[in-house]
Amino acid sequence: MRVALVFLLAFVSLVTWLPDLRRDFGHPLGSSDLDINYQGVVMGVGPLAAAAGVKTGDRVDLAGKSLEQRDRVYYPQTADAGTPVSVPLTSHGRHYSARIVTAPEVPNVPVIVLRQLTALLMLILGAFLVLKRPNVATWAFFIFSLNGGGPVNDFYLLGPPWWFPIAQLWSGVITWAPPFFGAIFALHLLHEGPLPAWRRNVELAIYTVMLAAIACGVVQTVLYLYFGIDWGEGSFITIALTLVAYLSIPAILVATYAESHTATRERLRWVIWAFSIAAGAAIVDFFGSQGNLGVYSTTYLEHSLLTVAYTLIPAVAVLYTILKHRIIDVNVAISRAVVYAVLSTIIVGIFALVDMFFSSALSASRAGLIADMGLALVLGFSFNALHARVDRFMDWLIFRARHRAEEYVATVASAIPYARTSDHVNRLLIDEPVRAFAFADGVLMRVQSDGTLAFVHAAHGRPGEVPTEDAESLIAILRAQRKPYRLTERHMALAVPLFSEMELEAIAFYAPHSNGTDIDGDELMLIERAAVAAGAAYARFKATALRERVAELEDENEQLKATVTA
């Protein structure tokens, strides 16, 4: 049932812009060179309209006009170029009709395709989320994604005059309602159970304002198209309330941020920034002539880029936040991007130098090709070493705090074999990485003979939330893999096995960073080094204890022999 409903709603959205696909394949719309805002004021005049006597500032004249004529004023383009259009206008009290034969538009096909792909991608993301994790928040976001900012809705034009009002109302509801469901999504995000009282009141207010916006839009459209009454204020109210919906989304998310724990805040920060950008882009777009308010003139390219901004950016942020249990440290991502950019520059530069000094001079003997092949082999064999050096240099140069933390934990791992007691090993293994990498927690658990885990040490002096209820399964996995295991749906992010004399001695658990970001590969590698060193230290303590016990038994044996002899 859920799949059928998602498919039906997606189809209702897609059908409003799919006819525009023909613009991609050489069927341009007919342009009348007119740009009219929501109040019926001419904002822009092209050569065709200017030749027909239209001037900027003229107003449309709806008195006594037919539905088809009002359609043409409301949407002055035509499905086919070469169609004669009569636009009734007034200029300083003078009534006249501008007779224009529409000319083929020059469609910005790359921009149209961009908007089509953006709309399709957003709709797919919304459908994927609601099918993957159905709840109130994902359903609301799916409805929000129905207004994916598709291209010009020329399906208005594909039918007789009576079809135009139906199509306009249909498209209007799909445009007006989704932003309010974006606010509903923000209210329910991270709230699986009943909402607090203030959220319930805000939810009721959102639905009320949404119905008011839709009602104003419907009344304005009906009055305009069926009765020729230009109630532009209705359109203004609808657009203004829609903008309020866009602005309320980051505001609600900020309130959620204030109520959330530290680990959750990092994920919310991405969504807040994304919807803040979306709200800003929506305001700039809606106030432009392409966005209907017509306070200033905007081009189709500007309108399209703004549309992409307030649709795709929040969609990607929400997808990542809902599906990703923990998030990526942005500094790590930037660090890796810088490293690979520098590596690429070095490699390309070396090849360019070889081509400059060898290939051109020795091309006749093909020595240049041999030089390139030799260089490729050398770089191939030395790539890992070069990557490591560049990585270390960039971390030292740009990400010094992270570099110092990694160097410190590497030093701790080297010092563990020289610890004199098991308690000292436990502190070095748990406390130091937690402090250096700013992990939220760290716990060491001993593996018991009965397949359970016993608490040994915690970074904060108390047992953390560790998965002791399924300890047998975790112990079996770690014995089989013999390497760290990521815990994706628990308080802890990582389980690191400590093997001593080939036996699983203990498990070290590490929580994500205090800001909610996950443990990255470099940190994992250093922790694994420390765990191997700790396992070796435990083995040394066992061997030392065993030697001491053997020495004690030998002393007792000698004493018994002496007693018997005496």
Protein backbone atom coordinates (compact mmCIF):
# COMPACT_ATOMS: atom_id res chain seq x y z
CA MET A 1 0.00 0.00 0.00
CA ARG A 2 2.82 2.39 0.92
CA VAL A 3 4.65 1.69 -2.34
CA ALA A 4 1.47 2.28 -4.38
CA LEU A 5 0.79 5.60 -2.61
CA VAL A 6 4.37 6.78 -3.09
CA PHE A 7 4.22 5.84 -6.76
CA LEU A 8 0.88 7.64 -7.26
CA LEU A 9 2.06 10.87 -5.61
CA ALA A 10 5.33 10.78 -7.52
CA PHE A 11 3.42 10.32 -10.78
CA VAL A 12 1.17 13.29 -9.95
CA SER A 13 4.28 15.43 -9.51
CA LEU A 14 6.16 14.14 -12.54
CA VAL A 15 3.28 14.52 -14.97
CA THR A 16 3.27 18.28 -14.42
CA TRP A 17 6.67 18.69 -16.08
CA LEU A 18 7.37 15.58 -18.09
CA PRO A 19 5.83 17.13 -21.27
CA ASP A 20 8.68 19.62 -21.10
CA LEU A 21 11.02 16.84 -22.15
CA ARG A 22 10.13 17.67 -25.74
CA ARG A 23 11.97 20.97 -25.31
CA ASP A 24 15.13 18.90 -24.92
CA PHE A 25 14.58 17.36 -28.36
CA GLY A 26 14.11 20.45 -30.52
CA HIS A 27 10.49 21.50 -29.87
CA PRO A 28 10.76 25.01 -28.37
CA LEU A 29 7.80 26.84 -26.90
CA GLY A 30 6.33 29.88 -28.61
CA SER A 31 7.55 33.07 -26.95
CA SER A 32 5.56 36.32 -26.91
CA ASP A 33 8.45 38.29 -25.35
CA LEU A 34 6.29 39.35 -22.38
CA ASP A 35 7.21 39.23 -18.68
CA ILE A 36 4.13 39.89 -16.49
CA ASN A 37 4.11 39.81 -12.67
CA TYR A 38 1.38 38.64 -10.29
CA GLN A 39 -0.39 42.04 -10.40
CA GLY A 40 -0.69 41.94 -14.19
CA VAL A 41 2.02 44.57 -14.69
CA VAL A 42 4.37 44.16 -17.66
CA MET A 43 7.88 43.79 -16.17
CA GLY A 44 9.82 43.10 -19.35
CA VAL A 45 9.30 43.65 -23.08
CA GLY A 46 11.15 41.85 -25.86
CA PRO A 47 11.40 42.78 -29.56
CA LEU A 48 8.18 40.99 -30.53
CA ALA A 49 6.11 42.66 -27.80
CA ALA A 50 7.76 46.04 -28.41
CA ALA A 51 6.85 45.81 -32.11
CA ALA A 52 3.23 45.25 -31.05
CA GLY A 53 3.29 48.48 -29.02
CA VAL A 54 3.70 47.00 -25.53
CA LYS A 55 5.68 49.06 -23.01
CA THR A 56 7.04 48.29 -19.58
CA GLY A 57 4.50 49.33 -16.95
CA ASP A 58 1.41 48.52 -19.03
CA ARG A 59 -1.22 46.41 -17.28
CA VAL A 60 -3.34 43.53 -18.50
CA ASP A 61 -7.02 44.29 -19.19
CA LEU A 62 -9.33 41.42 -18.21
CA ALA A 63 -12.71 43.15 -18.51
CA GLY A 64 -15.05 41.21 -20.77
CA LYS A 65 -12.36 38.88 -22.06
CA SER A 66 -12.81 35.20 -22.81
CA LEU A 67 -11.25 32.38 -20.81
CA GLU A 68 -8.76 31.72 -23.61
CA GLN A 69 -7.65 35.37 -23.66
CA ARG A 70 -7.23 35.38 -19.89
CA ASP A 71 -5.23 32.16 -20.22
CA ARG A 72 -2.87 33.88 -22.62
CA VAL A 73 -2.35 36.76 -20.22
CA TYR A 74 -1.79 34.42 -17.30
CA TYR A 75 0.64 32.30 -19.27
CA PRO A 76 1.71 34.17 -22.44
CA GLN A 77 3.75 31.34 -23.94
CA THR A 78 2.29 28.87 -26.44
CA ALA A 79 2.92 25.19 -26.96
CA ASP A 80 3.86 25.76 -30.59
CA ALA A 81 5.74 28.66 -32.13
CA GLY A 82 3.92 30.72 -34.79
CA THR A 83 0.67 30.89 -32.82
CA PRO A 84 -1.07 34.30 -32.95
CA VAL A 85 -1.77 35.71 -29.48
CA SER A 86 -3.97 38.71 -28.63
CA VAL A 87 -3.04 40.17 -25.24
CA PRO A 88 -5.51 42.78 -23.86
CA LEU A 89 -3.66 45.63 -22.11
CA THR A 90 -4.12 49.17 -20.79
CA SER A 91 -1.61 51.99 -21.02
CA HIS A 92 -2.38 55.19 -19.06
CA GLY A 93 -6.11 54.45 -19.33
CA ARG A 94 -5.97 53.53 -23.02
CA HIS A 95 -7.27 50.05 -23.88
CA TYR A 96 -5.57 48.15 -26.66
CA SER A 97 -4.77 44.60 -27.78
CA ALA A 98 -1.22 43.58 -28.54
CA ARG A 99 -1.29 41.14 -31.43
CA ILE A 100 1.82 38.98 -31.32
CA VAL A 101 2.76 35.93 -33.37
CA THR A 102 4.89 33.88 -31.02
CA ALA A 103 8.42 33.12 -32.17
CA PRO A 104 10.40 30.00 -31.27
CA GLU A 105 12.11 30.48 -27.94
CA VAL A 106 15.82 29.86 -27.67
CA PRO A 107 15.67 27.32 -24.86
CA ASN A 108 18.60 26.99 -22.51
CA VAL A 109 18.57 23.22 -22.87
CA PRO A 110 21.43 22.52 -20.40
CA VAL A 111 19.58 24.49 -17.72
CA ILE A 112 16.29 22.75 -18.53
CA VAL A 113 17.99 19.36 -18.27
CA LEU A 114 19.62 20.43 -14.99
CA ARG A 115 16.24 21.30 -13.54
CA GLN A 116 14.72 18.08 -14.80
CA LEU A 117 17.51 16.00 -13.27
CA THR A 118 17.33 17.97 -10.02
CA ALA A 119 13.58 17.46 -9.75
CA LEU A 120 13.90 13.78 -10.53
CA LEU A 121 16.77 13.26 -8.09
CA MET A 122 14.96 15.06 -5.28
CA LEU A 123 11.83 13.01 -5.89
CA ILE A 124 13.85 9.79 -5.89
CA LEU A 125 15.56 10.77 -2.63
CA GLY A 126 12.22 11.57 -1.01
CA ALA A 127 10.66 8.30 -2.18
CA PHE A 128 13.73 6.33 -1.10
CA LEU A 129 13.63 7.79 2.41
CA VAL A 130 9.94 7.11 2.99
CA LEU A 131 10.26 3.56 1.66
CA LYS A 132 13.44 2.94 3.65
CA ARG A 133 12.32 4.43 6.97
CA PRO A 134 8.62 5.28 6.97
CA ASN A 135 7.60 7.70 9.71
CA VAL A 136 5.93 11.09 9.96
CA ALA A 137 9.18 12.93 9.23
CA THR A 138 10.05 10.98 6.08
CA TRP A 139 6.48 11.13 4.77
CA ALA A 140 6.49 14.89 5.25
CA PHE A 141 9.84 15.17 3.49
CA PHE A 142 8.55 13.05 0.61
CA ILE A 143 5.63 15.45 0.10
CA PHE A 144 8.13 18.32 0.33
CA SER A 145 10.12 16.65 -2.48
CA LEU A 146 7.07 16.61 -4.77
CA ASN A 147 7.78 20.26 -5.53
CA GLY A 148 11.16 19.41 -7.00
CA GLY A 149 11.50 22.56 -9.05
CA GLY A 150 10.89 21.06 -12.48
CA PRO A 151 11.15 23.11 -15.68
CA VAL A 152 8.43 25.33 -17.15
CA ASN A 153 5.11 23.55 -16.75
CA ASP A 154 3.99 23.69 -20.36
CA PHE A 155 1.44 20.95 -19.72
CA TYR A 156 -0.87 23.97 -19.14
CA LEU A 157 -0.77 24.49 -22.88
CA LEU A 158 -1.50 20.92 -23.93
CA GLY A 159 -5.27 21.10 -24.07
CA PRO A 160 -8.38 23.20 -24.74
CA PRO A 161 -9.10 26.41 -22.78
CA TRP A 162 -11.13 24.59 -20.13
CA TRP A 163 -8.07 22.47 -19.27
CA PHE A 164 -5.90 25.45 -18.34
CA PRO A 165 -7.61 26.33 -14.99
CA ILE A 166 -7.59 22.67 -13.91
CA ALA A 167 -3.91 22.32 -14.72
CA GLN A 168 -3.13 25.63 -13.02
CA LEU A 169 -4.91 24.64 -9.80
CA TRP A 170 -3.33 21.19 -9.88
CA SER A 171 0.15 22.65 -10.30
CA GLY A 172 -0.57 25.35 -7.74
CA VAL A 173 -1.42 22.90 -4.97
CA ILE A 174 1.74 20.89 -5.71
CA THR A 175 3.71 24.15 -5.47
CA TRP A 176 2.01 25.69 -2.42
CA ALA A 177 1.60 22.72 -0.06
CA PRO A 178 5.05 21.01 -0.04
CA PRO A 179 6.99 23.82 1.73
CA PHE A 180 4.61 23.51 4.69
CA PHE A 181 5.30 19.78 4.82
CA GLY A 182 8.97 20.74 4.97
CA ALA A 183 8.11 22.49 8.24
CA ILE A 184 6.20 19.38 9.41
CA PHE A 185 9.32 17.35 8.63
CA ALA A 186 11.41 19.71 10.77
CA LEU A 187 8.95 19.34 13.67
CA HIS A 188 9.06 15.53 13.62
CA LEU A 189 12.76 15.07 12.81
CA LEU A 190 14.36 13.07 15.67
CA HIS A 191 10.97 12.83 17.44
CA GLU A 192 9.62 9.31 16.93
CA GLY A 193 7.07 9.45 19.75
CA PRO A 194 4.38 11.99 20.70
CA LEU A 195 5.43 15.59 20.16
CA PRO A 196 5.84 18.01 23.07
CA ALA A 197 3.04 20.53 23.56
CA TRP A 198 4.77 23.42 21.80
CA ARG A 199 5.48 21.27 18.75
CA ARG A 200 1.85 20.13 18.58
CA ASN A 201 0.71 23.76 18.67
CA VAL A 202 3.20 24.71 15.94
CA GLU A 203 2.06 21.75 13.85
CA LEU A 204 -1.56 22.88 14.09
CA ALA A 205 -0.53 26.41 13.11
CA ILE A 206 1.40 25.09 10.09
CA TYR A 207 -1.60 23.16 8.78
CA THR A 208 -3.84 26.20 9.34
CA VAL A 209 -1.51 28.55 7.47
CA MET A 210 -1.10 25.98 4.68
CA LEU A 211 -4.86 25.78 4.17
CA ALA A 212 -5.05 29.58 4.15
CA ALA A 213 -2.28 29.80 1.53
CA ILE A 214 -3.94 27.18 -0.68
CA ALA A 215 -7.34 28.86 -0.28
CA CYS A 216 -5.93 32.26 -1.32
CA GLY A 217 -4.19 30.72 -4.31
CA VAL A 218 -7.30 28.84 -5.43
CA VAL A 219 -9.56 31.87 -5.02
CA GLN A 220 -7.15 34.11 -6.91
CA THR A 221 -6.85 31.63 -9.78
CA VAL A 222 -10.61 31.07 -10.04
CA LEU A 223 -11.40 34.79 -9.92
CA TYR A 224 -8.78 35.54 -12.54
CA LEU A 225 -9.51 32.78 -15.02
CA TYR A 226 -13.29 32.44 -14.73
CA PHE A 227 -14.43 35.96 -13.81
CA GLY A 228 -11.63 38.19 -15.05
CA ILE A 229 -11.10 39.71 -11.59
CA ASP A 230 -7.44 40.44 -10.95
CA TRP A 231 -7.08 39.76 -7.22
CA GLY A 232 -3.30 39.89 -7.27
CA GLU A 233 -3.22 40.21 -3.49
CA GLY A 234 -4.34 36.58 -3.25
CA SER A 235 -1.28 35.45 -5.17
CA PHE A 236 0.89 37.72 -3.04
CA ILE A 237 -0.53 36.25 0.18
CA THR A 238 0.01 32.69 -1.06
CA ILE A 239 3.63 33.35 -2.03
CA ALA A 240 4.29 35.27 1.19
CA LEU A 241 2.92 32.41 3.33
CA THR A 242 4.94 29.91 1.29
CA LEU A 243 8.06 31.94 2.06
CA VAL A 244 7.10 31.90 5.75
CA ALA A 245 6.99 28.10 5.51
CA TYR A 246 10.50 28.03 4.02
CA LEU A 247 11.78 30.36 6.76
CA SER A 248 10.12 28.34 9.53
CA ILE A 249 12.02 25.17 8.61
CA PRO A 250 15.50 26.33 9.78
CA ALA A 251 13.89 28.09 12.77
CA ILE A 252 12.27 24.83 13.93
CA LEU A 253 15.50 22.94 13.31
CA VAL A 254 17.41 25.45 15.45
CA ALA A 255 14.91 24.78 18.26
CA THR A 256 15.49 21.04 17.82
CA TYR A 257 19.23 21.70 17.90
CA ALA A 258 18.90 23.50 21.23
CA GLU A 259 17.01 20.53 22.70
CA SER A 260 19.37 17.83 21.36
CA HIS A 261 22.46 16.13 22.73
CA THR A 262 25.93 16.96 21.49
CA ALA A 263 26.24 13.91 19.24
CA THR A 264 22.96 14.73 17.54
CA ARG A 265 23.74 18.40 17.07
CA GLU A 266 26.49 17.75 14.56
CA ARG A 267 24.06 15.97 12.26
CA LEU A 268 21.45 18.68 12.70
CA ARG A 269 23.98 21.39 11.89
CA TRP A 270 24.18 20.17 8.29
CA VAL A 271 20.40 20.20 7.88
CA ILE A 272 20.09 23.66 9.44
CA TRP A 273 22.66 25.11 7.06
CA ALA A 274 21.05 23.37 4.08
CA PHE A 275 17.54 24.66 4.82
CA SER A 276 18.90 28.12 5.66
CA ILE A 277 20.47 28.26 2.20
CA ALA A 278 17.21 26.95 0.74
CA ALA A 279 15.16 29.64 2.52
CA GLY A 280 17.51 32.37 1.29
CA ALA A 281 17.40 31.07 -2.28
CA ALA A 282 13.59 30.82 -2.16
CA ILE A 283 13.27 34.43 -0.98
CA VAL A 284 15.54 35.73 -3.74
CA ASP A 285 13.72 33.63 -6.34
CA PHE A 286 10.15 34.38 -5.27
CA PHE A 287 10.73 38.14 -5.20
CA GLY A 288 12.05 38.01 -8.77
CA SER A 289 9.94 38.21 -11.89
CA GLN A 290 10.44 34.51 -12.67
CA GLY A 291 9.27 33.67 -9.14
CA ASN A 292 6.04 35.67 -9.66
CA LEU A 293 6.29 38.58 -7.20
CA GLY A 294 8.17 40.66 -9.76
CA VAL A 295 9.89 43.09 -7.39
CA TYR A 296 12.87 42.90 -9.72
CA SER A 297 13.60 41.17 -13.01
CA THR A 298 15.32 37.77 -13.04
CA THR A 299 16.43 35.59 -15.92
CA TYR A 300 15.46 31.98 -16.48
CA LEU A 301 19.03 30.93 -15.68
CA GLU A 302 19.02 32.80 -12.36
CA HIS A 303 15.60 31.40 -11.49
CA SER A 304 16.73 27.89 -12.36
CA LEU A 305 19.91 28.02 -10.27
CA LEU A 306 17.98 29.36 -7.29
CA THR A 307 15.43 26.57 -7.73
CA VAL A 308 18.19 23.97 -7.72
CA ALA A 309 19.60 25.55 -4.55
CA TYR A 310 16.37 25.37 -2.55
CA THR A 311 15.50 21.85 -3.68
CA LEU A 312 18.63 19.75 -4.07
CA ILE A 313 20.76 21.09 -1.19
CA PRO A 314 18.28 20.23 1.60
CA ALA A 315 17.43 16.92 -0.06
CA VAL A 316 21.02 15.70 0.04
CA ALA A 317 21.54 16.94 3.61
CA VAL A 318 18.38 15.21 4.85
CA LEU A 319 19.24 11.95 3.08
CA TYR A 320 22.66 11.86 4.72
CA THR A 321 21.37 12.83 8.17
CA ILE A 322 18.57 10.26 8.31
CA LEU A 323 20.42 7.30 6.80
CA LYS A 324 23.87 7.91 8.30
CA HIS A 325 23.98 6.89 11.95
CA ARG A 326 27.15 8.91 12.45
CA ILE A 327 28.59 11.60 10.28
CA ILE A 328 31.88 12.29 8.60
CA ASP A 329 34.34 14.77 10.02
CA VAL A 330 34.47 17.59 7.48
CA ASN A 331 38.13 18.28 8.30
CA VAL A 332 39.00 14.71 7.37
CA ALA A 333 37.14 14.96 4.07
CA ILE A 334 38.85 18.26 3.25
CA SER A 335 42.22 16.84 4.26
CA ARG A 336 41.81 13.91 1.90
CA ALA A 337 40.63 16.17 -0.92
CA VAL A 338 43.70 18.38 -0.47
CA VAL A 339 46.01 15.36 -0.39
CA TYR A 340 44.63 13.89 -3.60
CA ALA A 341 44.68 17.27 -5.30
CA VAL A 342 48.36 17.74 -4.40
CA LEU A 343 49.18 14.17 -5.50
CA SER A 344 47.45 14.74 -8.84
CA THR A 345 49.32 18.01 -9.31
CA ILE A 346 52.67 16.38 -8.53
CA ILE A 347 52.08 13.44 -10.88
CA VAL A 348 50.78 15.61 -13.73
CA GLY A 349 53.68 18.01 -13.23
CA ILE A 350 56.26 15.23 -13.35
CA PHE A 351 54.78 13.81 -16.54
CA ALA A 352 54.69 17.30 -18.06
CA LEU A 353 58.37 17.77 -17.28
CA VAL A 354 59.23 14.40 -18.80
CA ASP A 355 57.31 15.29 -21.95
CA MET A 356 59.04 18.66 -22.10
CA PHE A 357 62.62 17.45 -21.67
CA PHE A 358 62.50 13.95 -23.13
CA SER A 359 59.50 13.21 -25.33
CA SER A 360 59.83 16.18 -27.71
CA ALA A 361 63.58 15.83 -28.18
CA LEU A 362 63.66 12.06 -28.54
CA SER A 363 60.32 11.38 -30.23
CA ALA A 364 61.96 9.97 -33.34
CA SER A 365 63.59 7.13 -31.42
CA ARG A 366 60.54 6.61 -29.22
CA ALA A 367 62.71 7.27 -26.20
CA GLY A 368 60.10 9.70 -24.91
CA LEU A 369 57.51 6.92 -24.76
CA ILE A 370 59.98 4.71 -22.92
CA ALA A 371 60.67 7.54 -20.47
CA ASP A 372 56.91 7.93 -19.82
CA MET A 373 56.54 4.18 -19.28
CA GLY A 374 59.49 4.11 -16.91
CA LEU A 375 58.13 7.07 -14.98
CA ALA A 376 54.71 5.41 -14.72
CA LEU A 377 56.32 2.28 -13.28
CA VAL A 378 58.39 4.27 -10.78
CA LEU A 379 55.36 6.27 -9.65
CA GLY A 380 53.27 3.13 -9.44
CA PHE A 381 55.74 1.39 -7.13
CA SER A 382 56.30 4.49 -5.00
CA PHE A 383 52.72 5.81 -4.95
CA ASN A 384 51.86 4.57 -1.44
CA ALA A 385 55.02 6.05 0.03
CA LEU A 386 54.41 9.34 -1.79
CA HIS A 387 50.79 9.38 -0.63
CA ALA A 388 51.84 8.84 2.99
CA ARG A 389 54.41 11.64 2.85
CA VAL A 390 52.00 14.11 1.27
CA ASP A 391 49.29 13.09 3.75
CA ARG A 392 51.58 13.69 6.73
CA PHE A 393 52.83 16.99 5.33
CA MET A 394 49.33 18.34 4.65
CA ASP A 395 48.10 17.28 8.08
CA TRP A 396 51.11 19.02 9.64
CA LEU A 397 50.67 22.13 7.50
CA ILE A 398 46.88 22.61 7.54
CA PHE A 399 45.38 20.33 10.22
CA ARG A 400 47.93 20.67 13.01
CA ALA A 401 45.65 19.79 15.91
CA ARG A 402 44.67 16.55 14.23
CA HIS A 403 48.29 15.86 13.29
CA ARG A 404 49.45 16.37 16.88
CA ALA A 405 46.70 14.06 18.16
CA GLU A 406 47.73 11.31 15.71
CA GLU A 407 51.41 11.70 16.62
CA TYR A 408 50.57 11.55 20.32
CA VAL A 409 48.50 8.35 19.99
CA ALA A 410 51.28 6.81 17.87
CA THR A 411 53.71 7.63 20.68
CA VAL A 412 51.33 6.11 23.23
CA ALA A 413 51.10 2.92 21.14
CA SER A 414 54.91 2.74 21.12
CA ALA A 415 55.03 3.28 24.90
CA ILE A 416 52.49 0.58 25.82
CA PRO A 417 55.01 -2.32 25.66
CA TYR A 418 57.06 -0.55 28.35
CA ALA A 419 54.18 -0.17 30.81
CA ARG A 420 54.89 -1.87 34.13
CA THR A 421 51.35 -2.84 35.17
CA SER A 422 48.12 -3.95 33.52
CA ASP A 423 46.35 -0.94 34.95
CA HIS A 424 48.89 1.33 33.26
CA VAL A 425 48.27 -0.46 29.94
CA ASN A 426 44.53 -0.01 30.37
CA ARG A 427 44.91 3.73 30.94
CA LEU A 428 47.20 4.15 27.93
CA LEU A 429 44.88 2.11 25.70
CA ILE A 430 41.60 3.77 26.70
CA ASP A 431 42.19 7.15 28.32
CA GLU A 432 44.82 8.57 25.98
CA PRO A 433 43.08 7.96 22.60
CA VAL A 434 39.78 9.19 24.07
CA ARG A 435 41.44 12.40 25.26
CA ALA A 436 43.61 12.96 22.17
CA PHE A 437 40.88 12.29 19.59
CA ALA A 438 38.06 13.80 21.70
CA PHE A 439 35.99 10.61 21.72
CA ALA A 440 32.80 10.69 23.77
CA ASP A 441 33.75 7.57 25.73
CA GLY A 442 35.99 4.52 25.89
CA VAL A 443 35.54 1.27 27.81
CA LEU A 444 37.66 -1.87 28.25
CA MET A 445 35.85 -5.18 28.87
CA ARG A 446 37.49 -8.49 29.80
CA VAL A 447 36.34 -11.64 27.94
CA GLN A 448 35.17 -14.22 30.48
CA SER A 449 35.42 -17.98 30.02
CA ASP A 450 31.61 -18.24 29.98
CA GLY A 451 31.34 -15.94 26.93
CA THR A 452 30.37 -12.78 28.82
CA LEU A 453 32.11 -9.45 29.21
CA ALA A 454 33.31 -8.00 32.51
CA PHE A 455 34.06 -4.33 33.07
CA VAL A 456 37.74 -3.47 33.52
CA HIS A 457 38.28 0.23 32.84
CA ALA A 458 36.51 3.30 31.45
CA ALA A 459 37.86 6.63 30.31
CA HIS A 460 35.46 8.51 32.59
CA GLY A 461 35.78 6.10 35.51
CA ARG A 462 32.45 4.38 34.93
CA PRO A 463 31.11 1.70 32.57
CA GLY A 464 29.76 3.10 29.31
CA GLU A 465 26.95 1.76 27.16
CA VAL A 466 28.47 -1.38 25.67
CA PRO A 467 26.65 -4.23 23.90
CA THR A 468 26.91 -6.80 26.70
CA GLU A 469 23.52 -8.31 25.80
CA ASP A 470 24.91 -9.89 22.61
CA ALA A 471 28.45 -10.38 23.83
CA GLU A 472 28.68 -13.95 22.52
CA SER A 473 28.00 -12.87 18.94
CA LEU A 474 30.47 -9.98 19.16
CA ILE A 475 33.16 -12.21 20.68
CA ALA A 476 32.65 -14.76 17.89
CA ILE A 477 32.90 -12.05 15.21
CA LEU A 478 36.09 -10.58 16.67
CA ARG A 479 37.70 -14.01 17.05
CA ALA A 480 36.91 -14.76 13.40
CA GLN A 481 37.89 -11.38 11.92
CA ARG A 482 40.78 -10.60 14.30
CA LYS A 483 40.43 -6.90 13.49
CA PRO A 484 38.38 -3.89 14.69
CA TYR A 485 34.63 -4.11 14.13
CA ARG A 486 32.42 -1.05 13.59
CA LEU A 487 29.22 -0.90 15.68
CA THR A 488 26.78 1.06 13.54
CA GLU A 489 23.61 1.15 15.67
CA ARG A 490 24.95 1.46 19.20
CA HIS A 491 26.33 4.08 21.54
CA MET A 492 29.83 2.80 20.81
CA ALA A 493 31.32 3.18 17.33
CA LEU A 494 34.16 0.67 17.44
CA ALA A 495 35.03 -2.64 19.07
CA VAL A 496 38.76 -3.45 19.02
CA PRO A 497 39.92 -6.97 19.96
CA LEU A 498 42.98 -7.50 22.18
CA PHE A 499 44.63 -10.83 21.49
CA SER A 500 47.14 -12.22 23.95
CA GLU A 501 48.93 -15.44 23.00
CA MET A 502 46.39 -16.03 20.19
CA GLU A 503 43.47 -15.80 22.61
CA LEU A 504 40.91 -12.97 22.75
CA GLU A 505 41.81 -11.37 26.06
CA ALA A 506 39.63 -8.25 26.06
CA ILE A 507 37.64 -5.84 23.91
CA ALA A 508 38.20 -2.09 23.83
CA PHE A 509 35.10 -0.05 22.94
CA TYR A 510 35.35 3.52 21.63
CA ALA A 511 32.45 5.94 21.20
CA PRO A 512 32.28 8.47 18.33
CA HIS A 513 33.80 11.91 18.75
CA SER A 514 32.08 14.24 21.18
CA ASN A 515 30.68 16.23 18.24
CA GLY A 516 29.03 13.11 16.77
CA THR A 517 31.49 12.43 13.94
CA ASP A 518 32.56 8.87 13.32
CA ILE A 519 36.03 7.40 13.88
CA ASP A 520 37.98 7.71 10.65
CA GLY A 521 40.40 5.21 9.12
CA ASP A 522 43.61 6.89 10.34
CA GLU A 523 42.37 6.96 13.94
CA LEU A 524 41.28 3.34 13.65
CA MET A 525 44.73 2.33 12.40
CA LEU A 526 46.45 4.00 15.38
CA ILE A 527 44.01 2.48 17.85
CA GLU A 528 44.63 -0.93 16.30
CA ARG A 529 48.39 -0.41 16.78
CA ALA A 530 47.79 0.43 20.42
CA ALA A 531 45.59 -2.68 20.82
CA VAL A 532 48.27 -4.93 19.33
CA ALA A 533 50.83 -3.40 21.69
CA ALA A 534 48.46 -3.88 24.64
CA GLY A 535 47.94 -7.53 23.71
CA ALA A 536 51.70 -8.02 23.63
CA ALA A 537 52.00 -6.29 27.00
CA TYR A 538 49.34 -8.58 28.48
CA ALA A 539 51.25 -11.57 27.14
CA ARG A 540 54.44 -10.23 28.74
CA PHE A 541 52.67 -9.78 32.07
CA LYS A 542 51.37 -13.34 31.85
CA ALA A 543 54.82 -14.65 31.04
CA THR A 544 56.33 -12.63 33.90
CA ALA A 545 53.66 -13.84 36.31
CA LEU A 546 54.23 -17.40 35.13
CA ARG A 547 58.01 -17.13 35.63
CA GLU A 548 57.48 -15.69 39.08
CA ARG A 549 55.08 -18.51 39.93
CA VAL A 550 57.56 -21.09 38.63
CA ALA A 551 60.30 -19.48 40.73
CA GLU A 552 58.01 -19.58 43.79
CA LEU A 553 57.23 -23.25 43.20
CA GLU A 554 60.91 -24.02 42.73
CA ASP A 555 61.71 -22.25 46.04
CA GLU A 556 58.95 -24.18 47.79
CA ASN A 557 60.27 -27.40 46.26
CA GLU A 558 63.81 -26.67 47.48
CA GLN A 559 62.51 -25.89 50.94
CA LEU A 560 60.57 -29.19 51.01
CA LYS A 561 63.67 -31.08 49.90
CA ALA A 562 65.74 -29.44 52.61
CA THR A 563 63.10 -30.29 55.21
CA VAL A 564 62.94 -33.94 54.12
CA THR A 565 66.73 -34.23 54.08
CA ALA A 566 66.97 -32.75 57.55
